[in-house]
């Protein structure tokens, strides 16, 4: 569990690194709002797609070996960016693609932890391992400060230090569960997507919770800078407060879901998020009020992330590695669409409000669809489980 958490935590830190650095990088490379949004969104999309392939690799050679290979590749990419520099929009997009390998750590860390625990503790176990998304807090807190002191290029080199230490801990402590793991290929993913409607439901519900969490985490530094004139350091600290709330709440969300049921937890999350983002779109409360609204929003989304993965092992126990990759991919795609969409909307309309209202609609749609499918779940697959759904 410790190895999975640390690997996930530091991987998320570097996956998110371009978000807190976006103001400095955009100024240095003379990027407009849309380009800046794409810069921070590309790692999200890359990580989403690569999660499926890392999941397949983890099934074949083990989560431990897969994690070691991925971490080495990420360290090499950051070291190259530090040594050679990033001098154009194309180069920063290439770096973002490579940092997506860190985002794909989701498909390694969660199965590594999950396979050691029985069904009644899956929500808690997956929540603790998944709390590694708190690495985004480290990036938001320290990356803008270090960039102001040493330049954003130095941040890439400095990030290699904790990654190397984590690589050592992971190599020494991580162990694959002794339970046999069936090797899966692309045909297995296609089989699940074509033959199981529940897979699509889970992917959509996680695209809203995790997509909202990671998408806002990436977009908020630029949003706070544009909307309220926050300098990069203050924008990073405000974002860190939001991300910390969501990261801390993820394991708590898993515990709550274990006790009252994952669907009930998610229904509450979607309604609260819709109300909170609507209040943000109406620009109530000024800078301090808006930061507070986003803190509570990401807190709710963090709980939703934990609740989704309380349900996944109950429905897909035999396919947990496969479904972790698919659902994680959907979450990353949701994050990409939110982060990129916010910038595109701002560029063409002059306001972030339309993008926020679109997310309100998405949250309400998720609430309505989950309300419709929950009884079917409880009467079909949940009836055979002692765990609350």
Protein backbone atom coordinates (compact mmCIF):
# COMPACT_ATOMS: atom_id res chain seq x y z
CA UNK A 1 0.00 0.00 0.00
CA UNK A 2 2.80 2.44 0.89
CA UNK A 3 4.63 1.74 -2.36
CA UNK A 4 1.46 2.17 -4.41
CA UNK A 5 0.62 5.43 -2.65
CA UNK A 6 4.09 6.96 -3.05
CA UNK A 7 4.38 5.92 -6.68
CA UNK A 8 0.94 7.33 -7.45
CA UNK A 9 1.61 10.49 -5.44
CA UNK A 10 4.85 11.48 -7.14
CA UNK A 11 3.63 10.41 -10.55
CA UNK A 12 0.62 12.67 -10.20
CA UNK A 13 2.92 15.48 -9.12
CA UNK A 14 4.80 15.44 -12.42
CA UNK A 15 1.73 14.60 -14.50
CA UNK A 16 0.22 17.84 -13.26
CA UNK A 17 3.46 19.85 -13.37
CA UNK A 18 2.61 21.97 -16.40
CA UNK A 19 -0.60 23.19 -14.73
CA UNK A 20 1.02 25.28 -11.96
CA UNK A 21 3.76 26.38 -14.39
CA UNK A 22 1.33 27.42 -17.14
CA UNK A 23 1.48 31.17 -16.52
CA UNK A 24 5.29 31.33 -16.59
CA UNK A 25 5.61 28.95 -19.55
CA UNK A 26 2.89 30.78 -21.52
CA UNK A 27 4.59 34.12 -20.93
CA UNK A 28 7.99 32.75 -21.97
CA UNK A 29 6.68 31.05 -25.12
CA UNK A 30 4.09 33.77 -25.89
CA UNK A 31 1.13 31.39 -25.88
CA UNK A 32 -2.46 32.58 -26.06
CA UNK A 33 -5.21 31.31 -23.72
CA UNK A 34 -6.23 28.46 -26.00
CA UNK A 35 -2.65 27.26 -26.49
CA UNK A 36 -2.02 27.50 -22.75
CA UNK A 37 -5.10 25.38 -22.06
CA UNK A 38 -4.02 22.79 -24.62
CA UNK A 39 -0.56 22.68 -23.06
CA UNK A 40 -1.97 21.68 -19.66
CA UNK A 41 -4.61 19.38 -21.18
CA UNK A 42 -2.31 17.25 -23.37
CA UNK A 43 -0.74 15.35 -20.43
CA UNK A 44 -4.26 14.53 -19.25
CA UNK A 45 -5.22 13.02 -22.60
CA UNK A 46 -1.91 11.22 -23.00
CA UNK A 47 -2.20 9.74 -19.52
CA UNK A 48 -5.76 8.67 -20.23
CA UNK A 49 -4.85 6.71 -23.37
CA UNK A 50 -1.68 5.22 -21.91
CA UNK A 51 -3.54 3.86 -18.88
CA UNK A 52 -5.03 1.11 -21.00
CA UNK A 53 -1.63 0.04 -22.32
CA UNK A 54 0.05 0.22 -18.91
CA UNK A 55 -2.81 -1.84 -17.52
CA UNK A 56 -2.21 -4.53 -20.16
CA UNK A 57 1.52 -4.42 -19.48
CA UNK A 58 0.92 -4.74 -15.73
CA UNK A 59 -1.19 -7.85 -16.35
CA UNK A 60 1.62 -9.38 -18.40
CA UNK A 61 4.78 -8.54 -16.43
CA UNK A 62 3.34 -7.44 -13.08
CA UNK A 63 2.44 -4.05 -11.65
CA UNK A 64 5.80 -3.71 -9.94
CA UNK A 65 7.90 -4.07 -13.09
CA UNK A 66 5.52 -1.89 -15.06
CA UNK A 67 5.75 0.85 -12.44
CA UNK A 68 9.55 0.74 -12.48
CA UNK A 69 9.70 1.05 -16.28
CA UNK A 70 7.20 3.91 -16.35
CA UNK A 71 9.02 5.83 -13.63
CA UNK A 72 12.35 5.56 -15.44
CA UNK A 73 10.79 6.91 -18.65
CA UNK A 74 9.24 9.88 -16.85
CA UNK A 75 12.51 10.74 -15.12
CA UNK A 76 14.31 10.61 -18.49
CA UNK A 77 11.75 12.97 -20.06
CA UNK A 78 12.06 15.52 -17.24
CA UNK A 79 15.84 15.32 -17.27
CA UNK A 80 15.88 15.98 -21.03
CA UNK A 81 13.53 18.97 -20.63
CA UNK A 82 15.80 20.38 -17.92
CA UNK A 83 19.03 19.75 -19.82
CA UNK A 84 17.90 20.75 -23.32
CA UNK A 85 15.14 23.23 -22.44
CA UNK A 86 11.65 23.73 -23.88
CA UNK A 87 11.66 26.46 -26.53
CA UNK A 88 8.41 26.19 -28.48
CA UNK A 89 4.75 25.26 -28.27
CA UNK A 90 5.47 22.00 -30.11
CA UNK A 91 8.21 21.05 -27.68
CA UNK A 92 6.06 21.69 -24.61
CA UNK A 93 3.30 19.55 -26.15
CA UNK A 94 5.84 16.76 -26.67
CA UNK A 95 6.86 17.02 -23.03
CA UNK A 96 3.19 16.85 -22.09
CA UNK A 97 2.76 13.65 -24.09
CA UNK A 98 5.67 12.04 -22.22
CA UNK A 99 4.41 13.22 -18.85
CA UNK A 100 1.24 11.32 -19.67
CA UNK A 101 3.18 8.17 -18.72
CA UNK A 102 3.09 9.47 -15.14
CA UNK A 103 -0.67 9.93 -15.37
CA UNK A 104 -0.98 6.33 -16.51
CA UNK A 105 0.38 5.26 -13.11
CA UNK A 106 -3.28 4.97 -12.11
CA UNK A 107 -3.48 1.62 -13.92
CA UNK A 108 -0.48 0.34 -11.96
CA UNK A 109 -0.92 1.68 -8.43
CA UNK A 110 -4.58 0.83 -7.89
CA UNK A 111 -4.43 -2.86 -8.95
CA UNK A 112 -1.16 -3.22 -7.02
CA UNK A 113 -2.97 -2.18 -3.83
CA UNK A 114 -6.43 -3.59 -4.56
CA UNK A 115 -5.36 -7.20 -5.11
CA UNK A 116 -4.12 -7.47 -1.53
CA UNK A 117 -7.52 -6.71 0.08
CA UNK A 118 -10.92 -8.49 0.40
CA UNK A 119 -14.12 -7.01 -1.14
CA UNK A 120 -15.44 -5.45 2.08
CA UNK A 121 -12.35 -3.23 2.32
CA UNK A 122 -12.02 -2.31 -1.35
CA UNK A 123 -13.47 1.19 -0.94
CA UNK A 124 -10.99 2.02 1.81
CA UNK A 125 -8.01 0.39 0.10
CA UNK A 126 -8.67 1.95 -3.29
CA UNK A 127 -9.34 5.28 -1.62
CA UNK A 128 -6.01 5.26 0.25
CA UNK A 129 -4.03 4.24 -2.83
CA UNK A 130 -5.97 6.70 -4.96
CA UNK A 131 -5.21 9.51 -2.51
CA UNK A 132 -1.89 9.62 -4.30
CA UNK A 133 -3.53 12.23 -6.48
CA UNK A 134 -2.48 14.54 -3.61
CA UNK A 135 0.78 14.83 -5.54
CA UNK A 136 -0.96 17.58 -7.44
CA UNK A 137 -0.86 19.58 -4.19
CA UNK A 138 2.95 19.37 -4.12
CA UNK A 139 3.18 20.64 -7.69
CA UNK A 140 0.72 23.49 -7.04
CA UNK A 141 2.51 24.58 -3.86
CA UNK A 142 6.13 24.40 -4.93
CA UNK A 143 6.38 24.55 -8.74
CA UNK A 144 5.42 28.26 -9.14
CA UNK A 145 7.68 29.29 -6.24
CA UNK A 146 10.65 27.36 -7.61
CA UNK A 147 9.99 28.70 -11.10
CA UNK A 148 10.00 32.27 -9.77
CA UNK A 149 13.31 31.64 -8.01
CA UNK A 150 15.20 29.53 -10.55
CA UNK A 151 13.15 29.57 -13.79
CA UNK A 152 10.59 27.02 -14.90
CA UNK A 153 13.24 24.95 -16.70
CA UNK A 154 14.98 24.22 -13.39
CA UNK A 155 11.74 22.84 -11.97
CA UNK A 156 11.92 19.92 -14.41
CA UNK A 157 15.35 18.97 -13.06
CA UNK A 158 14.39 19.46 -9.42
CA UNK A 159 11.35 17.20 -9.89
CA UNK A 160 13.69 14.32 -10.75
CA UNK A 161 15.04 14.24 -7.19
CA UNK A 162 11.90 13.02 -5.37
CA UNK A 163 11.11 10.77 -8.33
CA UNK A 164 14.46 9.00 -7.97
CA UNK A 165 13.88 8.51 -4.24
CA UNK A 166 10.41 7.13 -4.90
CA UNK A 167 11.82 4.82 -7.56
CA UNK A 168 14.20 3.39 -4.96
CA UNK A 169 11.41 2.83 -2.41
CA UNK A 170 9.18 1.24 -5.04
CA UNK A 171 11.97 -1.09 -6.20
CA UNK A 172 12.68 -2.21 -2.64
CA UNK A 173 9.17 -2.42 -1.17
CA UNK A 174 6.57 -2.99 -3.89
CA UNK A 175 5.29 -6.54 -4.25
CA UNK A 176 2.67 -8.02 -6.55
CA UNK A 177 -0.15 -9.89 -4.80
CA UNK A 178 0.26 -13.70 -4.92
CA UNK A 179 -3.15 -14.17 -6.53
CA UNK A 180 -2.92 -15.21 -10.21
CA UNK A 181 -3.62 -12.46 -12.73
CA UNK A 182 -5.05 -13.28 -16.13
CA UNK A 183 -3.19 -11.69 -19.02
CA UNK A 184 -5.41 -9.44 -21.07
CA UNK A 185 -5.05 -7.95 -24.51
CA UNK A 186 -6.87 -5.39 -26.60
CA UNK A 187 -9.52 -7.99 -27.47
CA UNK A 188 -10.50 -8.17 -23.80
CA UNK A 189 -11.05 -4.43 -23.65
CA UNK A 190 -13.14 -4.56 -26.80
CA UNK A 191 -15.16 -7.47 -25.36
CA UNK A 192 -16.01 -5.48 -22.21
CA UNK A 193 -16.86 -2.31 -24.11
CA UNK A 194 -19.09 -4.07 -26.62
CA UNK A 195 -20.70 -6.57 -24.27
CA UNK A 196 -21.15 -4.79 -20.95
CA UNK A 197 -23.25 -1.66 -20.61
CA UNK A 198 -22.16 -1.18 -17.01
CA UNK A 199 -18.61 -0.50 -18.20
CA UNK A 200 -19.83 2.57 -20.07
CA UNK A 201 -21.81 3.76 -17.04
CA UNK A 202 -18.75 3.55 -14.80
CA UNK A 203 -16.59 5.29 -17.38
CA UNK A 204 -19.05 8.16 -17.71
CA UNK A 205 -19.54 8.60 -13.97
CA UNK A 206 -15.77 8.69 -13.39
CA UNK A 207 -15.28 11.08 -16.32
CA UNK A 208 -17.34 13.55 -14.28
CA UNK A 209 -15.79 12.99 -10.84
CA UNK A 210 -12.14 12.49 -11.72
CA UNK A 211 -12.42 14.52 -14.90
CA UNK A 212 -13.76 17.38 -12.82
CA UNK A 213 -11.05 16.98 -10.19
CA UNK A 214 -8.06 16.75 -12.55
CA UNK A 215 -9.51 19.13 -15.13
CA UNK A 216 -10.13 21.89 -12.62
CA UNK A 217 -6.80 21.22 -10.91
CA UNK A 218 -5.06 21.87 -14.25
CA UNK A 219 -7.22 24.84 -15.29
CA UNK A 220 -7.49 26.72 -12.00
CA UNK A 221 -4.02 28.34 -11.94
CA UNK A 222 -4.80 30.02 -15.27
CA UNK A 223 -8.39 30.73 -14.24
CA UNK A 224 -7.35 32.48 -11.02
CA UNK A 225 -4.68 34.43 -12.89
CA UNK A 226 -7.06 35.59 -15.65
CA UNK A 227 -10.13 36.14 -13.51
CA UNK A 228 -8.64 37.84 -10.45
CA UNK A 229 -5.10 38.83 -11.43
CA UNK A 230 -3.44 36.37 -9.04
CA UNK A 231 0.29 36.07 -9.63
CA UNK A 232 1.53 32.51 -10.34
CA UNK A 233 2.51 31.85 -6.72
CA UNK A 234 -0.84 32.94 -5.25
CA UNK A 235 -2.74 31.14 -8.02
CA UNK A 236 -0.75 27.99 -7.24
CA UNK A 237 -1.47 28.23 -3.52
CA UNK A 238 -5.18 28.78 -4.12
CA UNK A 239 -5.24 25.78 -6.44
CA UNK A 240 -3.29 23.72 -3.89
CA UNK A 241 -6.00 24.38 -1.29
CA UNK A 242 -8.62 23.11 -3.74
CA UNK A 243 -6.63 20.04 -4.73
CA UNK A 244 -5.73 19.19 -1.13
CA UNK A 245 -9.41 19.09 -0.22
CA UNK A 246 -10.18 16.68 -3.04
CA UNK A 247 -7.16 14.48 -2.35
CA UNK A 248 -7.88 14.14 1.38
CA UNK A 249 -11.53 13.43 0.67
CA UNK A 250 -10.90 10.56 -1.78
CA UNK A 251 -10.16 7.88 0.85
CA UNK A 252 -12.90 9.30 3.07
CA UNK A 253 -15.26 9.00 0.12
CA UNK A 254 -14.33 5.33 -0.14
CA UNK A 255 -15.06 4.80 3.56
CA UNK A 256 -18.40 6.64 3.28
CA UNK A 257 -19.32 4.54 0.25
CA UNK A 258 -18.47 1.34 2.15
CA UNK A 259 -20.94 2.42 4.85
CA UNK A 260 -23.86 4.01 2.99
CA UNK A 261 -23.32 2.72 -0.55
CA UNK A 262 -21.46 4.03 -3.56
CA UNK A 263 -24.51 5.07 -5.56
CA UNK A 264 -25.98 7.10 -2.70
CA UNK A 265 -22.64 8.85 -2.20
CA UNK A 266 -22.34 9.65 -5.91
CA UNK A 267 -25.87 11.00 -6.20
CA UNK A 268 -25.14 13.45 -3.38
CA UNK A 269 -21.81 14.43 -4.95
CA UNK A 270 -23.29 15.23 -8.37
CA UNK A 271 -26.03 17.44 -6.94
CA UNK A 272 -23.66 19.35 -4.67
CA UNK A 273 -21.13 19.89 -7.46
CA UNK A 274 -23.82 21.21 -9.81
CA UNK A 275 -24.94 23.76 -7.20
CA UNK A 276 -21.39 24.83 -6.33
CA UNK A 277 -20.22 25.30 -9.93
CA UNK A 278 -23.43 27.19 -10.76
CA UNK A 279 -22.63 29.58 -7.90
CA UNK A 280 -19.11 29.98 -9.30
CA UNK A 281 -20.41 30.70 -12.80
CA UNK A 282 -22.62 33.44 -11.32
CA UNK A 283 -19.44 35.01 -9.82
CA UNK A 284 -20.78 35.13 -6.28
CA UNK A 285 -18.42 36.02 -3.46
CA UNK A 286 -15.48 37.60 -5.30
CA UNK A 287 -11.96 36.06 -5.29
CA UNK A 288 -12.10 34.63 -1.76
CA UNK A 289 -15.61 33.27 -2.24
CA UNK A 290 -14.70 31.68 -5.56
CA UNK A 291 -11.66 29.95 -4.08
CA UNK A 292 -13.86 28.65 -1.25
CA UNK A 293 -16.44 27.36 -3.73
CA UNK A 294 -13.78 25.49 -5.68
CA UNK A 295 -12.32 24.04 -2.46
CA UNK A 296 -15.70 22.53 -1.56
CA UNK A 297 -16.29 21.47 -5.19
CA UNK A 298 -13.05 19.50 -5.40
CA UNK A 299 -13.72 18.07 -1.94
CA UNK A 300 -17.00 16.67 -3.29
CA UNK A 301 -15.36 15.40 -6.47
CA UNK A 302 -12.68 13.66 -4.39
CA UNK A 303 -15.38 11.86 -2.45
CA UNK A 304 -16.97 10.88 -5.76
CA UNK A 305 -13.70 9.38 -6.98
CA UNK A 306 -13.53 7.18 -3.90
CA UNK A 307 -17.18 6.17 -4.29
CA UNK A 308 -16.75 5.08 -7.92
CA UNK A 309 -13.90 2.76 -6.97
CA UNK A 310 -15.85 1.35 -4.07
CA UNK A 311 -18.33 0.08 -6.69
CA UNK A 312 -15.87 -1.12 -9.34
CA UNK A 313 -14.50 -4.20 -7.49
CA UNK A 314 -18.06 -5.28 -6.61
CA UNK A 315 -19.09 -5.31 -10.26
CA UNK A 316 -15.84 -6.25 -11.97
CA UNK A 317 -13.90 -8.26 -9.39
CA UNK A 318 -12.40 -10.62 -11.96
CA UNK A 319 -11.60 -7.75 -14.34
CA UNK A 320 -10.37 -5.14 -11.85
CA UNK A 321 -7.12 -4.45 -13.71
CA UNK A 322 -8.88 -4.17 -17.05
CA UNK A 323 -11.64 -1.93 -15.71
CA UNK A 324 -9.20 0.24 -13.78
CA UNK A 325 -7.50 1.04 -17.07
CA UNK A 326 -10.74 1.74 -18.92
CA UNK A 327 -12.32 3.81 -16.16
CA UNK A 328 -9.08 5.67 -15.56
CA UNK A 329 -8.87 6.41 -19.28
CA UNK A 330 -12.38 7.85 -19.21
CA UNK A 331 -11.47 10.02 -16.22
CA UNK A 332 -8.43 11.38 -18.02
CA UNK A 333 -10.43 12.11 -21.16
CA UNK A 334 -12.97 13.97 -19.04
CA UNK A 335 -10.17 15.99 -17.49
CA UNK A 336 -8.73 16.80 -20.93
CA UNK A 337 -12.09 17.99 -22.24
CA UNK A 338 -12.65 20.19 -19.20
CA UNK A 339 -9.17 21.75 -19.13
CA UNK A 340 -8.98 22.30 -22.88
CA UNK A 341 -12.62 23.37 -23.12
CA UNK A 342 -12.23 26.03 -20.45
CA UNK A 343 -9.42 27.64 -22.44
CA UNK A 344 -11.21 27.40 -25.76
CA UNK A 345 -14.38 28.93 -24.30
CA UNK A 346 -12.39 31.73 -22.71
CA UNK A 347 -10.48 32.42 -25.93
CA UNK A 348 -13.60 32.70 -28.10
CA UNK A 349 -16.18 34.16 -25.71
CA UNK A 350 -14.01 36.21 -23.38
CA UNK A 351 -15.50 34.48 -20.32
CA UNK A 352 -15.09 31.23 -18.42
CA UNK A 353 -18.79 31.17 -17.42
CA UNK A 354 -20.11 29.16 -20.42
CA UNK A 355 -17.58 26.42 -19.73
CA UNK A 356 -18.62 26.27 -16.09
CA UNK A 357 -22.30 26.01 -17.04
CA UNK A 358 -21.51 23.12 -19.37
CA UNK A 359 -19.96 21.27 -16.44
CA UNK A 360 -23.09 21.96 -14.38
CA UNK A 361 -25.15 20.31 -17.11
CA UNK A 362 -22.78 17.32 -17.18
CA UNK A 363 -23.05 16.85 -13.39
CA UNK A 364 -26.85 16.99 -13.52
CA UNK A 365 -26.87 14.52 -16.41
CA UNK A 366 -24.72 12.13 -14.38
CA UNK A 367 -27.14 12.47 -11.44
CA UNK A 368 -30.11 11.68 -13.65
CA UNK A 369 -28.49 8.67 -15.32
CA UNK A 370 -27.25 7.22 -12.03
CA UNK A 371 -30.72 7.66 -10.53
CA UNK A 372 -32.10 5.60 -13.38
CA UNK A 373 -29.58 2.76 -13.22
CA UNK A 374 -29.11 2.32 -9.45
CA UNK A 375 -32.16 0.10 -8.93
CA UNK A 376 -31.06 -2.17 -11.75
CA UNK A 377 -27.62 -2.52 -10.16
CA UNK A 378 -29.06 -3.30 -6.74
CA UNK A 379 -31.47 -5.90 -8.06
CA UNK A 380 -28.96 -7.62 -10.37
CA UNK A 381 -25.29 -7.75 -9.48
CA UNK A 382 -25.38 -6.04 -6.07
CA UNK A 383 -27.87 -8.58 -4.69
CA UNK A 384 -25.11 -11.21 -4.55
CA UNK A 385 -22.78 -8.97 -2.53
CA UNK A 386 -22.77 -8.17 1.18
CA UNK A 387 -21.24 -4.80 0.41
CA UNK A 388 -23.54 -1.77 0.24
CA UNK A 389 -24.04 -0.44 -3.29
